[in-house]
């Protein structure tokens, strides 16, 4: 199975600073929050499992909405194709540890060239992180990387975005 990894384009970062709507979407995709909850309300969720589950569902819905909106705006770019079975495995192979994953390539990873930059030691690419997308190429299904506190394995399905965008 092949999984394509998508990161938010670095080229759009400066534009996002000028466009407050896109900047808001990026922020909510990377670090989702529900602003209308007070600190006291969030702390109370630790003792109330049903309320905590409802809060997490709202957080995931907001994060997914923002990610789909950014996808439709063309902000996500493919950075790698990874021959693995799960988005979690693709995440692990496209995360920097001591050396950038784009330079110290695992044979199962093919860099697509998007989002690369050069430093004195060669090509580098940011780590995969919360808010990035992972597409299972065989099915066309996209997964959003989120916190494992919010979703099992840290990923939530967004469905087939390419078809939704074409429709």
N, C-alpha and C. Protein backbone atom coordinates (compact mmCIF):
# COMPACT_ATOMS: atom_id res chain seq x y z
N UNK A 1 0.84 -1.16 0.00
CA UNK A 1 0.00 0.00 0.00
C UNK A 1 0.90 1.24 0.00
N UNK A 2 0.44 2.29 -0.67
CA UNK A 2 1.19 3.55 -0.72
C UNK A 2 0.37 4.66 -0.08
N UNK A 3 1.03 5.45 0.75
CA UNK A 3 0.39 6.59 1.39
C UNK A 3 1.13 7.85 0.97
N UNK A 4 0.39 8.84 0.46
CA UNK A 4 0.97 10.13 0.12
C UNK A 4 0.80 11.06 1.32
N UNK A 5 1.90 11.70 1.70
CA UNK A 5 1.90 12.61 2.84
C UNK A 5 1.81 14.04 2.31
N UNK A 6 0.89 14.82 2.88
CA UNK A 6 0.69 16.22 2.49
C UNK A 6 0.97 17.12 3.68
N UNK A 7 1.79 18.15 3.45
CA UNK A 7 2.04 19.18 4.46
C UNK A 7 1.44 20.50 3.95
N UNK A 8 1.23 21.43 4.85
CA UNK A 8 0.82 22.76 4.43
C UNK A 8 2.01 23.40 3.74
N UNK A 9 1.76 24.02 2.61
CA UNK A 9 2.81 24.63 1.81
C UNK A 9 3.51 25.75 2.56
N UNK A 10 4.84 25.70 2.57
CA UNK A 10 5.60 26.79 3.18
C UNK A 10 5.44 28.07 2.38
N UNK A 11 5.21 27.98 1.08
CA UNK A 11 5.06 29.16 0.25
C UNK A 11 3.84 29.98 0.64
N UNK A 12 2.85 29.31 1.25
CA UNK A 12 1.63 30.01 1.65
C UNK A 12 1.73 30.64 3.03
N UNK A 13 2.82 30.39 3.75
CA UNK A 13 2.92 30.89 5.11
C UNK A 13 2.88 32.41 5.15
N UNK A 14 3.66 33.06 4.30
CA UNK A 14 3.65 34.53 4.30
C UNK A 14 2.30 35.07 3.87
N UNK A 15 1.69 34.43 2.89
CA UNK A 15 0.36 34.87 2.45
C UNK A 15 -0.65 34.69 3.58
N UNK A 16 -0.49 33.63 4.36
CA UNK A 16 -1.43 33.39 5.46
C UNK A 16 -1.36 34.50 6.50
N UNK A 17 -0.18 35.05 6.68
CA UNK A 17 -0.04 36.14 7.65
C UNK A 17 -0.81 37.37 7.20
N UNK A 18 -0.95 37.53 5.89
CA UNK A 18 -1.69 38.67 5.37
C UNK A 18 -3.18 38.40 5.29
N UNK A 19 -3.55 37.13 5.14
CA UNK A 19 -4.97 36.76 5.02
C UNK A 19 -5.43 36.18 6.34
N UNK A 20 -6.15 36.93 7.11
CA UNK A 20 -6.49 36.50 8.46
C UNK A 20 -7.34 35.23 8.46
N UNK A 21 -8.23 35.05 7.47
CA UNK A 21 -9.08 33.86 7.43
C UNK A 21 -8.22 32.60 7.27
N UNK A 22 -7.27 32.63 6.32
CA UNK A 22 -6.42 31.46 6.11
C UNK A 22 -5.52 31.23 7.32
N UNK A 23 -5.04 32.29 7.93
CA UNK A 23 -4.21 32.16 9.12
C UNK A 23 -5.01 31.50 10.24
N UNK A 24 -6.27 31.88 10.40
CA UNK A 24 -7.13 31.27 11.42
C UNK A 24 -7.31 29.77 11.13
N UNK A 25 -7.58 29.42 9.87
CA UNK A 25 -7.76 28.01 9.51
C UNK A 25 -6.50 27.20 9.79
N UNK A 26 -5.33 27.75 9.46
CA UNK A 26 -4.07 27.06 9.74
C UNK A 26 -3.91 26.82 11.24
N UNK A 27 -4.18 27.85 12.02
CA UNK A 27 -4.03 27.73 13.47
C UNK A 27 -4.95 26.69 14.06
N UNK A 28 -6.20 26.66 13.60
CA UNK A 28 -7.17 25.69 14.13
C UNK A 28 -6.89 24.28 13.64
N UNK A 29 -6.21 24.13 12.51
CA UNK A 29 -5.85 22.80 12.03
C UNK A 29 -4.67 22.26 12.82
N UNK A 30 -3.70 23.10 13.12
CA UNK A 30 -2.51 22.68 13.87
C UNK A 30 -2.80 22.56 15.37
N UNK A 31 -3.56 23.50 15.92
CA UNK A 31 -3.81 23.54 17.36
C UNK A 31 -5.28 23.87 17.61
N UNK A 32 -6.17 22.90 17.43
CA UNK A 32 -7.60 23.19 17.56
C UNK A 32 -7.98 23.60 18.98
N UNK A 33 -8.91 24.53 19.07
CA UNK A 33 -9.42 24.95 20.37
C UNK A 33 -10.84 25.46 20.19
N UNK A 34 -11.57 25.42 21.25
CA UNK A 34 -12.92 25.99 21.27
C UNK A 34 -12.85 27.20 22.18
N UNK A 35 -12.75 28.38 21.58
CA UNK A 35 -12.48 29.59 22.33
C UNK A 35 -13.55 29.93 23.37
N UNK A 36 -14.78 29.49 23.13
CA UNK A 36 -15.84 29.87 24.05
C UNK A 36 -15.84 29.04 25.35
N UNK A 37 -14.93 28.07 25.46
CA UNK A 37 -14.80 27.31 26.71
C UNK A 37 -13.84 28.05 27.64
N UNK A 38 -14.23 28.22 28.88
CA UNK A 38 -13.34 28.84 29.87
C UNK A 38 -12.39 27.79 30.42
N UNK A 39 -11.33 28.22 31.06
CA UNK A 39 -10.37 27.30 31.68
C UNK A 39 -11.09 26.42 32.70
N UNK A 40 -12.00 27.00 33.46
CA UNK A 40 -12.75 26.23 34.46
C UNK A 40 -13.60 25.14 33.81
N UNK A 41 -14.23 25.47 32.67
CA UNK A 41 -15.05 24.47 31.98
C UNK A 41 -14.18 23.33 31.45
N UNK A 42 -13.02 23.66 30.92
CA UNK A 42 -12.14 22.62 30.40
C UNK A 42 -11.62 21.75 31.54
N UNK A 43 -11.24 22.34 32.66
CA UNK A 43 -10.78 21.55 33.81
C UNK A 43 -11.88 20.64 34.33
N UNK A 44 -13.14 21.09 34.29
CA UNK A 44 -14.26 20.27 34.76
C UNK A 44 -14.46 19.03 33.88
N UNK A 45 -14.00 19.08 32.63
CA UNK A 45 -14.15 17.95 31.72
C UNK A 45 -13.37 16.72 32.17
N UNK A 46 -12.31 16.91 32.95
CA UNK A 46 -11.51 15.79 33.42
C UNK A 46 -12.32 14.84 34.30
N UNK A 47 -13.35 15.35 34.98
CA UNK A 47 -14.16 14.54 35.87
C UNK A 47 -15.48 14.09 35.25
N UNK A 48 -15.75 14.51 34.02
CA UNK A 48 -17.04 14.23 33.39
C UNK A 48 -16.81 13.62 32.01
N UNK A 49 -16.76 12.28 31.95
CA UNK A 49 -16.43 11.58 30.70
C UNK A 49 -17.37 11.93 29.54
N UNK A 50 -18.72 11.93 29.73
CA UNK A 50 -19.59 12.28 28.60
C UNK A 50 -19.35 13.70 28.08
N UNK A 51 -19.14 14.64 28.99
CA UNK A 51 -18.87 16.02 28.57
C UNK A 51 -17.53 16.11 27.85
N UNK A 52 -16.53 15.35 28.33
CA UNK A 52 -15.22 15.34 27.70
C UNK A 52 -15.32 14.79 26.28
N UNK A 53 -16.09 13.72 26.11
CA UNK A 53 -16.27 13.14 24.78
C UNK A 53 -16.96 14.11 23.83
N UNK A 54 -17.94 14.85 24.33
CA UNK A 54 -18.64 15.85 23.50
C UNK A 54 -17.67 16.96 23.10
N UNK A 55 -16.84 17.40 24.02
CA UNK A 55 -15.84 18.44 23.74
C UNK A 55 -14.87 17.97 22.66
N UNK A 56 -14.38 16.73 22.80
CA UNK A 56 -13.44 16.18 21.83
C UNK A 56 -14.09 16.06 20.45
N UNK A 57 -15.34 15.64 20.38
CA UNK A 57 -16.05 15.56 19.09
C UNK A 57 -16.12 16.94 18.44
N UNK A 58 -16.41 17.98 19.22
CA UNK A 58 -16.47 19.34 18.68
C UNK A 58 -15.09 19.79 18.20
N UNK A 59 -14.05 19.47 18.98
CA UNK A 59 -12.69 19.83 18.57
C UNK A 59 -12.31 19.16 17.25
N UNK A 60 -12.59 17.87 17.14
CA UNK A 60 -12.26 17.14 15.91
C UNK A 60 -13.04 17.69 14.73
N UNK A 61 -14.31 18.01 14.94
CA UNK A 61 -15.12 18.56 13.85
C UNK A 61 -14.54 19.89 13.37
N UNK A 62 -14.12 20.74 14.31
CA UNK A 62 -13.53 22.03 13.93
C UNK A 62 -12.21 21.81 13.19
N UNK A 63 -11.37 20.92 13.72
CA UNK A 63 -10.08 20.66 13.09
C UNK A 63 -10.27 20.09 11.68
N UNK A 64 -11.20 19.15 11.53
CA UNK A 64 -11.46 18.55 10.22
C UNK A 64 -12.01 19.58 9.24
N UNK A 65 -12.93 20.43 9.68
CA UNK A 65 -13.49 21.47 8.82
C UNK A 65 -12.39 22.39 8.31
N UNK A 66 -11.50 22.81 9.20
CA UNK A 66 -10.41 23.71 8.82
C UNK A 66 -9.45 23.04 7.85
N UNK A 67 -9.12 21.76 8.07
CA UNK A 67 -8.21 21.04 7.18
C UNK A 67 -8.83 20.89 5.78
N UNK A 68 -10.11 20.55 5.71
CA UNK A 68 -10.78 20.41 4.41
C UNK A 68 -10.81 21.76 3.70
N UNK A 69 -11.08 22.83 4.44
CA UNK A 69 -11.09 24.17 3.84
C UNK A 69 -9.73 24.53 3.26
N UNK A 70 -8.66 24.23 4.00
CA UNK A 70 -7.31 24.51 3.50
C UNK A 70 -6.98 23.64 2.29
N UNK A 71 -7.43 22.39 2.31
CA UNK A 71 -7.22 21.50 1.15
C UNK A 71 -7.87 22.11 -0.08
N UNK A 72 -9.10 22.58 0.08
CA UNK A 72 -9.83 23.17 -1.05
C UNK A 72 -9.17 24.46 -1.54
N UNK A 73 -8.47 25.17 -0.65
CA UNK A 73 -7.74 26.38 -1.05
C UNK A 73 -6.39 26.06 -1.71
N UNK A 74 -6.02 24.78 -1.75
CA UNK A 74 -4.77 24.37 -2.37
C UNK A 74 -3.54 24.58 -1.51
N UNK A 75 -3.73 24.67 -0.20
CA UNK A 75 -2.62 24.92 0.72
C UNK A 75 -1.76 23.68 0.93
N UNK A 76 -2.36 22.49 0.88
CA UNK A 76 -1.59 21.25 1.12
C UNK A 76 -0.84 20.84 -0.15
N UNK A 77 0.41 20.43 0.03
CA UNK A 77 1.22 19.93 -1.08
C UNK A 77 1.78 18.56 -0.71
N UNK A 78 1.91 17.66 -1.70
CA UNK A 78 2.49 16.35 -1.41
C UNK A 78 3.98 16.46 -1.14
N UNK A 79 4.44 15.82 -0.09
CA UNK A 79 5.87 15.87 0.25
C UNK A 79 6.54 14.51 0.13
N UNK A 80 5.76 13.42 0.21
CA UNK A 80 6.38 12.10 0.13
C UNK A 80 5.34 11.04 -0.21
N UNK A 81 5.84 9.96 -0.80
CA UNK A 81 5.05 8.74 -0.99
C UNK A 81 5.75 7.68 -0.15
N UNK A 82 4.96 6.96 0.65
CA UNK A 82 5.53 6.02 1.60
C UNK A 82 4.86 4.66 1.41
N UNK A 83 5.66 3.62 1.25
CA UNK A 83 5.15 2.26 1.07
C UNK A 83 4.98 1.62 2.44
N UNK A 84 3.80 1.85 3.04
CA UNK A 84 3.47 1.32 4.37
C UNK A 84 1.98 0.98 4.40
N UNK A 85 1.53 0.39 5.49
CA UNK A 85 0.14 -0.03 5.60
C UNK A 85 -0.77 0.97 6.30
N UNK A 86 -0.20 1.85 7.14
CA UNK A 86 -1.05 2.74 7.93
C UNK A 86 -0.52 4.18 7.92
N UNK A 87 -1.42 5.16 8.12
CA UNK A 87 -0.95 6.54 8.26
C UNK A 87 0.05 6.71 9.40
N UNK A 88 -0.12 5.95 10.48
CA UNK A 88 0.82 6.04 11.61
C UNK A 88 2.24 5.68 11.19
N UNK A 89 2.37 4.63 10.37
CA UNK A 89 3.70 4.25 9.90
C UNK A 89 4.29 5.33 8.99
N UNK A 90 3.45 5.92 8.13
CA UNK A 90 3.92 7.01 7.26
C UNK A 90 4.35 8.21 8.10
N UNK A 91 3.60 8.49 9.15
CA UNK A 91 3.94 9.58 10.06
C UNK A 91 5.33 9.35 10.67
N UNK A 92 5.55 8.15 11.15
CA UNK A 92 6.83 7.83 11.81
C UNK A 92 8.01 7.96 10.85
N UNK A 93 7.81 7.60 9.58
CA UNK A 93 8.91 7.67 8.61
C UNK A 93 9.14 9.07 8.06
N UNK A 94 8.19 9.99 8.27
CA UNK A 94 8.34 11.36 7.78
C UNK A 94 8.42 12.35 8.94
N UNK A 95 8.96 11.88 10.05
CA UNK A 95 9.19 12.74 11.21
C UNK A 95 10.69 12.81 11.46
N UNK A 96 11.16 14.00 11.73
CA UNK A 96 12.59 14.18 12.00
C UNK A 96 12.92 13.73 13.41
N UNK A 97 14.01 13.05 13.52
CA UNK A 97 14.52 12.68 14.84
C UNK A 97 15.87 13.36 14.99
N UNK A 98 16.94 12.68 14.67
CA UNK A 98 18.25 13.32 14.74
C UNK A 98 18.68 13.87 13.39
N UNK A 99 18.18 13.30 12.31
CA UNK A 99 18.51 13.74 10.96
C UNK A 99 17.21 13.92 10.20
N UNK A 100 17.14 14.92 9.32
CA UNK A 100 15.92 15.14 8.55
C UNK A 100 15.55 13.90 7.74
N UNK A 101 14.28 13.56 7.76
CA UNK A 101 13.83 12.37 7.04
C UNK A 101 14.04 12.51 5.53
N UNK A 102 14.08 13.72 5.01
CA UNK A 102 14.26 13.93 3.57
C UNK A 102 15.69 13.64 3.13
N UNK A 103 16.62 13.62 4.06
CA UNK A 103 18.03 13.38 3.74
C UNK A 103 18.43 11.95 4.06
N UNK A 104 17.96 11.43 5.17
CA UNK A 104 18.30 10.08 5.64
C UNK A 104 17.15 9.16 5.27
N UNK A 105 16.99 8.91 3.97
CA UNK A 105 15.80 8.24 3.48
C UNK A 105 15.74 6.76 3.79
N UNK A 106 14.57 6.38 4.27
CA UNK A 106 14.24 4.97 4.39
C UNK A 106 13.90 4.51 2.97
N UNK A 107 14.23 3.29 2.57
CA UNK A 107 13.93 2.83 1.21
C UNK A 107 12.44 2.84 0.87
N UNK A 108 11.59 2.86 1.89
CA UNK A 108 10.14 2.88 1.64
C UNK A 108 9.60 4.28 1.39
N UNK A 109 10.46 5.32 1.50
CA UNK A 109 10.02 6.71 1.36
C UNK A 109 10.58 7.31 0.07
N UNK A 110 9.70 7.93 -0.71
CA UNK A 110 10.11 8.68 -1.90
C UNK A 110 9.71 10.13 -1.70
N UNK A 111 10.69 11.03 -1.69
CA UNK A 111 10.42 12.46 -1.53
C UNK A 111 9.88 13.00 -2.85
N UNK A 112 8.80 13.77 -2.81
CA UNK A 112 8.22 14.31 -4.04
C UNK A 112 8.84 15.64 -4.45
N UNK A 113 9.61 16.27 -3.56
CA UNK A 113 10.26 17.53 -3.90
C UNK A 113 9.50 18.75 -3.45
N UNK A 114 8.23 18.61 -3.07
CA UNK A 114 7.46 19.74 -2.59
C UNK A 114 7.87 20.07 -1.16
N UNK A 115 7.92 21.34 -0.83
CA UNK A 115 8.20 21.82 0.53
C UNK A 115 9.64 21.60 0.98
N UNK A 116 10.53 21.20 0.07
CA UNK A 116 11.93 21.01 0.44
C UNK A 116 12.64 22.35 0.49
N UNK A 117 13.62 22.42 1.34
CA UNK A 117 14.52 23.57 1.35
C UNK A 117 15.93 23.03 1.55
N UNK A 118 16.91 23.82 1.20
CA UNK A 118 18.30 23.41 1.30
C UNK A 118 18.95 24.05 2.52
N UNK A 119 19.72 23.27 3.24
CA UNK A 119 20.59 23.85 4.26
C UNK A 119 22.01 23.41 3.90
N UNK A 120 22.99 23.70 4.74
CA UNK A 120 24.38 23.41 4.39
C UNK A 120 24.67 21.92 4.22
N UNK A 121 23.81 21.05 4.76
CA UNK A 121 24.04 19.62 4.67
C UNK A 121 23.21 18.93 3.59
N UNK A 122 22.37 19.68 2.88
CA UNK A 122 21.55 19.09 1.83
C UNK A 122 20.07 19.39 2.02
N UNK A 123 19.20 18.61 1.37
CA UNK A 123 17.77 18.89 1.44
C UNK A 123 17.19 18.59 2.83
N UNK A 124 16.20 19.37 3.20
CA UNK A 124 15.51 19.15 4.47
C UNK A 124 14.02 19.45 4.26
N UNK A 125 13.21 18.85 5.08
CA UNK A 125 11.77 19.04 5.01
C UNK A 125 11.22 18.96 6.43
N UNK A 126 10.22 19.78 6.75
CA UNK A 126 9.66 19.71 8.10
C UNK A 126 9.12 18.32 8.43
N UNK A 127 9.07 18.01 9.70
CA UNK A 127 8.45 16.76 10.16
C UNK A 127 6.96 16.77 9.90
N UNK A 128 6.41 15.59 9.75
CA UNK A 128 4.96 15.48 9.76
C UNK A 128 4.48 15.85 11.16
N UNK A 129 3.32 16.48 11.23
CA UNK A 129 2.83 16.97 12.51
C UNK A 129 1.31 17.02 12.50
N UNK A 130 0.76 17.36 13.65
CA UNK A 130 -0.68 17.50 13.75
C UNK A 130 -1.14 18.53 12.71
N UNK A 131 -2.19 18.17 11.99
CA UNK A 131 -2.71 19.04 10.94
C UNK A 131 -2.32 18.61 9.55
N UNK A 132 -1.39 17.67 9.41
CA UNK A 132 -0.99 17.19 8.09
C UNK A 132 -1.96 16.11 7.61
N UNK A 133 -1.98 15.90 6.29
CA UNK A 133 -2.89 14.92 5.69
C UNK A 133 -2.11 13.73 5.16
N UNK A 134 -2.76 12.57 5.21
CA UNK A 134 -2.19 11.31 4.73
C UNK A 134 -3.25 10.63 3.87
N UNK A 135 -2.95 10.42 2.57
CA UNK A 135 -3.90 9.79 1.65
C UNK A 135 -3.47 8.38 1.33
N UNK A 136 -4.38 7.43 1.52
CA UNK A 136 -4.14 6.05 1.08
C UNK A 136 -4.43 6.05 -0.41
N UNK A 137 -3.39 5.91 -1.22
CA UNK A 137 -3.53 6.08 -2.66
C UNK A 137 -4.47 5.07 -3.29
N UNK A 138 -4.47 3.85 -2.77
CA UNK A 138 -5.32 2.81 -3.38
C UNK A 138 -6.81 3.09 -3.20
N UNK A 139 -7.19 3.75 -2.13
CA UNK A 139 -8.62 4.02 -1.88
C UNK A 139 -8.99 5.48 -2.08
N UNK A 140 -8.01 6.38 -2.04
CA UNK A 140 -8.28 7.81 -2.16
C UNK A 140 -8.74 8.45 -0.86
N UNK A 141 -8.74 7.69 0.24
CA UNK A 141 -9.22 8.23 1.52
C UNK A 141 -8.11 9.03 2.20
N UNK A 142 -8.51 10.21 2.71
CA UNK A 142 -7.58 11.09 3.42
C UNK A 142 -7.77 10.95 4.92
N UNK A 143 -6.65 11.04 5.64
CA UNK A 143 -6.68 11.03 7.10
C UNK A 143 -5.97 12.28 7.61
N UNK A 144 -6.56 12.90 8.61
CA UNK A 144 -5.98 14.07 9.26
C UNK A 144 -5.23 13.63 10.49
N UNK A 145 -3.98 14.06 10.61
CA UNK A 145 -3.19 13.77 11.80
C UNK A 145 -3.68 14.68 12.92
N UNK A 146 -4.11 14.09 14.00
CA UNK A 146 -4.58 14.85 15.15
C UNK A 146 -3.91 14.28 16.39
N UNK A 147 -4.27 14.74 17.52
CA UNK A 147 -3.69 14.22 18.76
C UNK A 147 -4.28 12.85 19.07
N UNK A 148 -3.46 11.95 19.57
CA UNK A 148 -4.00 10.65 19.98
C UNK A 148 -4.87 10.80 21.22
N UNK A 149 -4.89 11.99 21.80
CA UNK A 149 -5.83 12.25 22.89
C UNK A 149 -7.24 12.42 22.34
N UNK A 150 -7.35 12.80 21.06
CA UNK A 150 -8.65 13.07 20.45
C UNK A 150 -9.19 11.90 19.64
N UNK A 151 -8.31 11.15 19.00
CA UNK A 151 -8.76 10.09 18.10
C UNK A 151 -7.86 8.87 18.23
N UNK A 152 -8.44 7.71 18.01
CA UNK A 152 -7.67 6.47 18.07
C UNK A 152 -6.52 6.54 17.07
N UNK A 153 -5.33 6.18 17.51
CA UNK A 153 -4.12 6.19 16.68
C UNK A 153 -3.71 7.60 16.25
N UNK A 154 -4.44 8.65 16.65
CA UNK A 154 -4.05 10.00 16.30
C UNK A 154 -4.44 10.44 14.91
N UNK A 155 -5.38 9.73 14.26
CA UNK A 155 -5.81 10.08 12.91
C UNK A 155 -7.33 10.01 12.82
N UNK A 156 -7.91 10.88 12.00
CA UNK A 156 -9.35 10.86 11.77
C UNK A 156 -9.58 10.90 10.25
N UNK A 157 -10.52 10.10 9.77
CA UNK A 157 -10.79 10.03 8.33
C UNK A 157 -11.54 11.28 7.87
N UNK A 158 -11.12 11.82 6.72
CA UNK A 158 -11.81 12.95 6.08
C UNK A 158 -12.52 12.51 4.81
N UNK A 159 -12.43 11.23 4.49
CA UNK A 159 -13.08 10.75 3.26
C UNK A 159 -12.23 11.00 2.03
N UNK A 160 -12.89 11.05 0.89
CA UNK A 160 -12.20 11.23 -0.41
C UNK A 160 -12.30 12.69 -0.83
N UNK A 161 -11.32 13.48 -0.45
CA UNK A 161 -11.35 14.93 -0.69
C UNK A 161 -11.22 15.28 -2.16
N UNK A 162 -10.44 14.52 -2.93
CA UNK A 162 -10.26 14.84 -4.34
C UNK A 162 -11.59 14.81 -5.08
N UNK A 163 -12.42 13.81 -4.80
CA UNK A 163 -13.72 13.71 -5.44
C UNK A 163 -14.65 14.82 -4.99
N UNK A 164 -14.60 15.14 -3.68
CA UNK A 164 -15.45 16.20 -3.16
C UNK A 164 -15.06 17.53 -3.78
N UNK A 165 -13.76 17.76 -4.01
CA UNK A 165 -13.30 18.99 -4.58
C UNK A 165 -13.71 19.09 -6.07
N UNK A 166 -13.68 17.96 -6.76
CA UNK A 166 -14.01 17.96 -8.20
C UNK A 166 -15.50 18.15 -8.42
N UNK A 167 -16.32 17.76 -7.44
CA UNK A 167 -17.78 17.83 -7.62
C UNK A 167 -18.29 19.26 -7.57
